[in-house]
Each structure stands twice: as C-alpha cells, then as structure tokens.
Amino acid sequence: MSQQRLLICVALTAGFPLLAQSQGIVRTQPACVFEAQSLLTPDRDRDVDSARSPHAVQPERPTVATHAGTVAPGWIELEEGVEWDKNPDGSRSFIAPTNLKIGLSPRSQINLLFNLIHAPPSITSDLAIGDFAVGIKYRLVDGNPVLGDFAVLPAIKLPTGTSGAGTGTTDFSLLLISSRQVGPVAVDLNLGQTRRTGDGTKAPRVAGIWTASFGFPVSGPVGAVVEFFGFPRTKGLLGTDATAALLAGPTFLIKEWLSLDAGLIVPLAGPQARAYYTGFVWNFGCIASKRVCAARGRNY
C-alpha cells in the first residue's frame, strides 16, 4: 500500500465509522478496519433499547459499519483494537484504533477517535499518532418500516497527527445509518461521504464508503459477524480505484459490560489490503452524578 493510500485510509476511517472510516479506521480505504461497527452482542434487540441495561456493551467494532444504537446518557464505553495489514505491494502496516463513546441523551452520543499507526518506512518508522476525530451520532427514527432505526453521524477530523501519520487536511464527514433486526440477525447498512480541505495533493478531496453488516448469535455468549464494505473510486492526483472487501469473524460476550472480537478481512476487488484484527469493547459505567446515574439506570 502506498504512503498516500494508507493515510487516506486512516483519514477516512477516523471520521466515518466513524471516520471509517480511515483515520475513521477500520472502516475505510484499503483495509482499515478496526472501527465502526455492527453489533457484536448476539442478544441485541433495537426494538427494546429502552429496556436494555445501560451497562450492556454496544460494540461498533469490529465491522466497518456502525449501528444506530447509542450509549446511555452519562455512560462511557471504550473500544480498542489492533489490525495487521498485508498490502497488495507486499508491504505491511499496523493500526490500533481507539473509539471513546459518551452518551449525551437517550438518542445521541459523542465519539472521540484517534489511532496509532506503524506503516512502511516511507511513512513512519515508529509508532505514530494519527489525526483526531470527533463525531456525534443522533438517532432520528426508531422502528421505521423502511429505514428501521435510522441515525446520522456527522464528524470532523483535524490534522493533529504526528509527521507522516495524518493527511494534513481537515475532513468533514456524514454517515447515514440504518439498523434493523431480521429474526436473530442484526442488519446494519451505512452510506457516507467525506469532504476534505486542501488542493487534493495530500488526499482526494471527496471520498465515500458503503457497508452492509450482519451480526448473529452462534452459541451462548459466542456470536459472529459478516460484512461487505467498499470505497468508491476517488479522483485527483491521489485518486484510487474502487475497492470491496469481506470481513468475518467471531465475537465473544465475556460479561455484560465486556466483549471481545477477532477475525480477518479478505479483498474482493481493487487494491484492498488483506488483514487480521482483534479488539475489545468495555462499558466503564456512568460518569455523571449519582442522582443522574440512578435515574438513567431506572429508565434503561
């Protein structure tokens, strides 16, 4: 994978799915899939969000897609992952995405994202910090016959990365999210676009992403996820061909507040990297006042 392509991937991921986006990560160009984002827990039912415990994890990883669910108001949830990529040119890279989610209201949450990156020497020889992204997910509709649970996720990525580990651009992203339960299967569909500042010499000024993710129970606390995702062709000096990939792997609900995941990403079309990933999601609990936390606990 070229230097420019990796940085584009990291940049799109961080803001999308979040920036899956690519510093939107694991969720974006080449094989950046860390984000995020269909539900890992096999018992998720979005029709009964109001009855779900606020301590229950709501994983947006390991898929590139994210779901329409939000963390309970005042609660905080951390997603951490690592991904090892083997690029089409034979080079290898490593990305570790962090997604910190804080519930703002029954329908909204804020996502804070950054990534650690180790890529071919042409980018950086050491572990570097990628660009920082912030997004707010807001669920507009619950249980619509056509849209299902429908949410929007606007995000902004800032050029805060260390030298060689960011795109050097400010990115504005918008992700459309549709989630529904079909029998035991949680279905998440995402469609997004990113627009960047600059003249296109550091990263394409316009980039997009599409995903279709399916999560389902296997046995007890063990579940699985299968996802198809891709990035449309980009234009300009650093334009790239369209890519498509398959992500698949098991998920493990260790505790109500802790889940693990692992799996692989297989290229289907275009210059997509082959990757392996693993990670966890940890619901820390409520960080608001005791009175607010107690009230939220009664309502969820």
Protein backbone atom coordinates (compact mmCIF):
# COMPACT_ATOMS: atom_id res chain seq x y z
CA MET A 1 0.00 0.00 0.00
CA SER A 2 1.41 3.39 -0.89
CA GLN A 3 2.02 6.08 1.71
CA GLN A 4 -0.78 8.22 0.34
CA ARG A 5 -3.24 5.34 0.25
CA LEU A 6 -2.60 4.32 3.86
CA LEU A 7 -3.03 7.90 5.08
CA ILE A 8 -6.24 8.23 3.09
CA CYS A 9 -7.47 5.03 4.64
CA VAL A 10 -6.62 6.22 8.10
CA ALA A 11 -8.22 9.55 7.42
CA LEU A 12 -11.47 8.26 6.09
CA THR A 13 -11.90 5.74 8.81
CA ALA A 14 -11.47 8.00 11.72
CA GLY A 15 -14.22 10.23 10.73
CA PHE A 16 -16.66 7.87 9.40
CA PRO A 17 -17.41 4.97 11.04
CA LEU A 18 -16.63 6.79 12.33
CA LEU A 19 -14.27 8.25 10.18
CA ALA A 20 -14.27 4.86 8.70
CA GLN A 21 -13.89 5.48 8.13
CA SER A 22 -9.83 5.76 7.58
CA GLN A 23 -8.50 7.83 10.32
CA GLY A 24 -12.03 6.81 10.69
CA ILE A 25 -10.26 3.35 10.70
CA VAL A 26 -11.05 0.00 10.24
CA ARG A 27 -13.60 1.20 8.38
CA THR A 28 -12.14 2.80 5.47
CA GLN A 29 -9.96 2.65 2.47
CA PRO A 30 -7.68 -0.07 1.83
CA ALA A 31 -8.35 -2.36 4.65
CA CYS A 32 -8.55 -0.01 7.50
CA VAL A 33 -10.95 -1.92 9.56
CA PHE A 34 -10.59 -1.71 13.20
CA GLU A 35 -13.99 0.97 13.53
CA ALA A 36 -17.34 1.37 13.48
CA GLN A 37 -19.44 -1.10 13.59
CA SER A 38 -22.48 -3.61 13.61
CA LEU A 39 -23.42 -5.11 16.84
CA LEU A 40 -21.21 -7.77 18.30
CA THR A 41 -23.51 -8.92 21.06
CA PRO A 42 -25.81 -11.74 19.98
CA ASP A 43 -28.70 -10.59 22.17
CA ARG A 44 -29.08 -7.06 20.81
CA ASP A 45 -32.66 -6.06 20.00
CA ARG A 46 -33.01 -2.48 18.91
CA ASP A 47 -36.78 -2.60 19.41
CA VAL A 48 -36.26 -2.78 23.15
CA ASP A 49 -33.48 -0.23 23.59
CA SER A 50 -35.40 1.38 26.43
CA ALA A 51 -35.34 -1.90 28.38
CA ARG A 52 -31.65 -2.64 27.84
CA SER A 53 -29.27 -2.28 30.76
CA PRO A 54 -27.10 0.85 30.42
CA HIS A 55 -24.13 -1.35 31.41
CA ALA A 56 -24.53 -3.58 28.33
CA VAL A 57 -21.85 -3.01 25.70
CA GLN A 58 -22.91 -1.73 22.28
CA PRO A 59 -19.93 -2.59 20.06
CA GLU A 60 -19.36 -0.56 16.91
CA ARG A 61 -16.34 -2.69 16.10
CA PRO A 62 -15.05 -4.85 14.52
CA THR A 63 -17.10 -4.00 11.46
CA VAL A 64 -16.61 -1.01 9.24
CA ALA A 65 -20.31 -0.33 9.65
CA THR A 66 -21.75 1.22 12.76
CA HIS A 67 -25.23 0.70 14.20
CA ALA A 68 -27.94 3.22 15.12
CA GLY A 69 -27.76 2.47 18.84
CA THR A 70 -26.29 4.91 21.36
CA VAL A 71 -24.68 4.61 24.77
CA ALA A 72 -26.97 5.51 27.70
CA PRO A 73 -26.77 9.18 28.81
CA GLY A 74 -23.90 9.66 31.24
CA TRP A 75 -22.35 6.27 30.47
CA ILE A 76 -18.94 5.83 28.86
CA GLU A 77 -17.71 3.00 26.63
CA LEU A 78 -14.24 2.32 25.23
CA GLU A 79 -13.41 0.43 22.03
CA GLU A 80 -9.81 -0.65 21.38
CA GLY A 81 -8.45 -2.76 18.56
CA VAL A 82 -5.39 -3.74 16.58
CA GLU A 83 -5.16 -4.61 12.89
CA TRP A 84 -2.32 -6.10 10.88
CA ASP A 85 -2.45 -5.40 7.13
CA LYS A 86 -0.64 -7.04 4.25
CA ASN A 87 -0.88 -4.65 1.35
CA PRO A 88 -1.11 -5.51 -2.37
CA ASP A 89 2.52 -4.39 -2.88
CA GLY A 90 3.72 -6.82 -0.18
CA SER A 91 4.38 -4.18 2.48
CA ARG A 92 2.88 -4.50 5.94
CA SER A 93 1.30 -1.99 8.29
CA PHE A 94 -0.24 -1.90 11.75
CA ILE A 95 -3.10 0.24 13.08
CA ALA A 96 -4.53 0.47 16.60
CA PRO A 97 -7.80 2.46 16.72
CA THR A 98 -9.39 3.96 19.81
CA ASN A 99 -13.06 5.00 19.96
CA LEU A 100 -14.34 6.57 23.19
CA LYS A 101 -18.15 6.89 23.31
CA ILE A 102 -20.07 9.01 25.82
CA GLY A 103 -23.86 9.06 25.98
CA LEU A 104 -25.35 12.55 25.71
CA SER A 105 -29.09 11.83 25.59
CA PRO A 106 -31.35 8.81 25.01
CA ARG A 107 -30.83 9.32 21.25
CA SER A 108 -27.29 10.70 20.98
CA GLN A 109 -23.67 10.05 21.84
CA ILE A 110 -20.31 11.65 21.14
CA ASN A 111 -17.46 9.63 19.63
CA LEU A 112 -13.81 10.60 20.18
CA LEU A 113 -11.36 8.78 17.90
CA PHE A 114 -7.64 8.54 17.28
CA ASN A 115 -5.28 5.85 16.01
CA LEU A 116 -1.76 4.60 16.49
CA ILE A 117 -0.08 3.74 13.19
CA HIS A 118 3.01 1.81 12.19
CA ALA A 119 3.49 1.67 8.44
CA PRO A 120 6.26 1.16 5.88
CA PRO A 121 9.35 3.38 6.39
CA SER A 122 8.14 5.70 3.63
CA ILE A 123 5.51 6.91 6.12
CA THR A 124 6.97 6.44 9.57
CA SER A 125 9.47 4.02 11.06
CA ASP A 126 7.98 4.25 14.54
CA LEU A 127 4.55 4.02 16.10
CA ALA A 128 2.89 7.36 15.40
CA ILE A 129 -0.33 9.07 16.49
CA GLY A 130 -2.85 9.66 13.71
CA ASP A 131 -5.31 12.50 13.31
CA PHE A 132 -8.01 13.15 15.93
CA ALA A 133 -11.69 12.93 15.02
CA VAL A 134 -14.91 13.73 16.84
CA GLY A 135 -18.44 12.81 15.78
CA ILE A 136 -21.94 12.94 17.20
CA LYS A 137 -24.35 10.13 16.44
CA TYR A 138 -28.03 11.07 16.62
CA ARG A 139 -30.85 8.58 16.15
CA LEU A 140 -33.74 10.23 14.30
CA VAL A 141 -36.18 7.34 13.98
CA ASP A 142 -36.89 4.06 15.77
CA GLY A 143 -38.59 1.11 14.05
CA ASN A 144 -39.50 2.84 10.78
CA PRO A 145 -40.96 0.30 8.27
CA VAL A 146 -38.47 1.40 5.60
CA LEU A 147 -35.47 2.86 7.45
CA GLY A 148 -35.60 0.74 10.58
CA ASP A 149 -33.69 2.53 13.33
CA PHE A 150 -32.17 5.46 11.44
CA ALA A 151 -29.30 7.67 12.65
CA VAL A 152 -26.92 10.25 11.25
CA LEU A 153 -23.29 10.66 12.24
CA PRO A 154 -21.62 13.96 11.27
CA ALA A 155 -17.92 14.09 12.16
CA ILE A 156 -14.84 16.23 11.77
CA LYS A 157 -11.22 15.09 11.59
CA LEU A 158 -8.47 17.55 12.46
CA PRO A 159 -4.86 17.50 11.16
CA THR A 160 -3.36 16.69 14.57
CA GLY A 161 -1.34 13.61 13.65
CA THR A 162 2.41 13.40 14.07
CA SER A 163 4.54 13.91 10.99
CA GLY A 164 3.72 11.40 8.28
CA ALA A 165 0.81 9.84 10.23
CA GLY A 166 -2.01 12.11 9.07
CA THR A 167 -3.41 13.54 5.85
CA GLY A 168 -2.72 17.15 6.81
CA THR A 169 -6.31 18.02 5.99
CA THR A 170 -9.46 18.87 7.89
CA ASP A 171 -12.17 16.37 6.93
CA PHE A 172 -15.93 16.77 7.20
CA SER A 173 -17.91 13.52 7.08
CA LEU A 174 -21.54 12.48 7.16
CA LEU A 175 -22.63 8.88 7.66
CA LEU A 176 -26.20 7.61 7.21
CA ILE A 177 -27.03 4.57 9.36
CA SER A 178 -29.93 2.14 9.04
CA SER A 179 -30.27 -0.73 11.53
CA ARG A 180 -32.89 -3.42 11.97
CA GLN A 181 -33.38 -6.85 13.45
CA VAL A 182 -34.34 -9.62 10.98
CA GLY A 183 -35.08 -12.64 13.13
CA PRO A 184 -31.85 -13.36 15.04
CA VAL A 185 -29.74 -11.27 12.63
CA ALA A 186 -28.78 -7.64 13.32
CA VAL A 187 -28.51 -5.83 9.97
CA ASP A 188 -26.62 -2.52 9.66
CA LEU A 189 -26.39 -0.55 6.42
CA ASN A 190 -24.15 2.53 6.15
CA LEU A 191 -23.56 5.07 3.40
CA GLY A 192 -21.20 8.00 3.86
CA GLN A 193 -19.12 10.71 2.27
CA THR A 194 -16.07 12.71 3.35
CA ARG A 195 -15.01 16.13 2.03
CA ARG A 196 -11.53 17.45 2.74
CA THR A 197 -9.79 20.77 2.72
CA GLY A 198 -6.69 21.29 0.60
CA ASP A 199 -5.97 21.07 -3.11
CA GLY A 200 -6.03 17.28 -3.40
CA THR A 201 -2.26 16.81 -3.30
CA LYS A 202 -2.34 15.17 0.14
CA ALA A 203 -5.58 13.19 -0.14
CA PRO A 204 -8.59 13.11 -2.52
CA ARG A 205 -10.95 15.96 -1.71
CA VAL A 206 -14.02 13.71 -1.85
CA ALA A 207 -14.26 10.08 -0.69
CA GLY A 208 -17.10 7.72 0.13
CA ILE A 209 -17.91 4.45 1.84
CA TRP A 210 -20.68 1.81 1.81
CA THR A 211 -21.23 -1.14 4.13
CA ALA A 212 -23.64 -4.00 4.75
CA SER A 213 -23.09 -5.81 8.04
CA PHE A 214 -24.79 -8.86 9.56
CA GLY A 215 -24.33 -9.98 13.18
CA PHE A 216 -25.91 -13.12 14.63
CA PRO A 217 -25.67 -15.48 17.65
CA VAL A 218 -23.84 -18.80 17.36
CA SER A 219 -23.95 -20.42 20.78
CA GLY A 220 -24.37 -18.85 24.21
CA PRO A 221 -22.03 -15.86 24.52
CA VAL A 222 -20.45 -16.56 21.12
CA GLY A 223 -21.64 -14.65 18.08
CA ALA A 224 -20.35 -13.89 14.61
CA VAL A 225 -20.29 -11.04 12.13
CA VAL A 226 -20.11 -10.99 8.34
CA GLU A 227 -19.75 -7.74 6.44
CA PHE A 228 -19.30 -6.47 2.90
CA PHE A 229 -17.81 -3.00 2.59
CA GLY A 230 -16.16 -0.85 -0.01
CA PHE A 231 -14.90 2.55 -1.10
CA PRO A 232 -15.92 4.14 -4.40
CA ARG A 233 -13.30 5.34 -6.86
CA THR A 234 -11.70 8.67 -5.96
CA LYS A 235 -10.43 11.35 -8.33
CA GLY A 236 -7.48 13.70 -8.47
CA LEU A 237 -3.73 13.35 -8.12
CA LEU A 238 -4.06 10.69 -5.41
CA GLY A 239 -7.22 9.09 -6.75
CA THR A 240 -7.63 5.33 -6.32
CA ASP A 241 -9.73 2.61 -7.89
CA ALA A 242 -12.86 1.39 -6.13
CA THR A 243 -12.36 -1.36 -3.55
CA ALA A 244 -14.56 -4.00 -1.95
CA ALA A 245 -13.84 -6.47 0.83
CA LEU A 246 -15.33 -9.14 3.07
CA LEU A 247 -14.90 -9.01 6.86
CA ALA A 248 -15.77 -12.01 9.03
CA GLY A 249 -15.05 -13.31 12.49
CA PRO A 250 -16.39 -14.43 15.88
CA THR A 251 -17.44 -12.20 18.78
CA PHE A 252 -17.41 -13.11 22.47
CA LEU A 253 -19.58 -11.58 25.20
CA ILE A 254 -17.37 -12.15 28.25
CA LYS A 255 -19.51 -10.05 30.59
CA GLU A 256 -22.49 -7.78 30.07
CA TRP A 257 -20.01 -4.88 30.05
CA LEU A 258 -17.14 -6.54 28.11
CA SER A 259 -16.92 -8.11 24.65
CA LEU A 260 -14.03 -9.40 22.53
CA ASP A 261 -13.68 -9.88 18.79
CA ALA A 262 -11.25 -11.28 16.22
CA GLY A 263 -11.33 -12.02 12.51
CA LEU A 264 -10.00 -11.28 9.07
CA ILE A 265 -10.56 -9.03 6.07
CA VAL A 266 -10.35 -10.51 2.57
CA PRO A 267 -10.11 -8.30 -0.54
CA LEU A 268 -12.80 -8.81 -3.19
CA ALA A 269 -11.96 -6.05 -5.67
CA GLY A 270 -9.45 -3.25 -6.15
CA PRO A 271 -6.24 -2.50 -4.20
CA GLN A 272 -7.59 -3.68 -0.87
CA ALA A 273 -5.27 -4.98 1.85
CA ARG A 274 -5.67 -8.38 3.47
CA ALA A 275 -5.89 -8.02 7.25
CA TYR A 276 -6.29 -9.68 10.63
CA TYR A 277 -7.80 -7.91 13.62
CA THR A 278 -8.71 -8.28 17.27
CA GLY A 279 -10.08 -5.96 19.94
CA PHE A 280 -12.45 -5.36 22.83
CA VAL A 281 -15.33 -3.13 23.94
CA TRP A 282 -15.60 -2.13 27.62
CA ASN A 283 -18.52 -0.28 29.20
CA PHE A 284 -16.97 1.61 32.14
CA GLY A 285 -20.27 2.68 33.65
CA CYS A 286 -21.79 6.05 34.47
CA ILE A 287 -19.56 9.13 34.85
CA ALA A 288 -22.37 11.57 35.67
CA SER A 289 -23.63 12.41 39.16
CA LYS A 290 -25.05 9.60 41.33
CA ARG A 291 -28.52 11.07 41.00
CA VAL A 292 -28.33 11.16 37.20
CA CYS A 293 -26.84 7.66 37.02
CA ALA A 294 -29.55 6.26 39.30
CA ALA A 295 -32.25 7.87 37.17
CA ARG A 296 -30.73 6.55 33.96
CA GLY A 297 -30.44 3.09 35.46
CA ARG A 298 -34.17 3.07 36.23
CA ASN A 299 -35.08 4.24 32.73
CA TYR A 300 -32.90 1.78 30.82
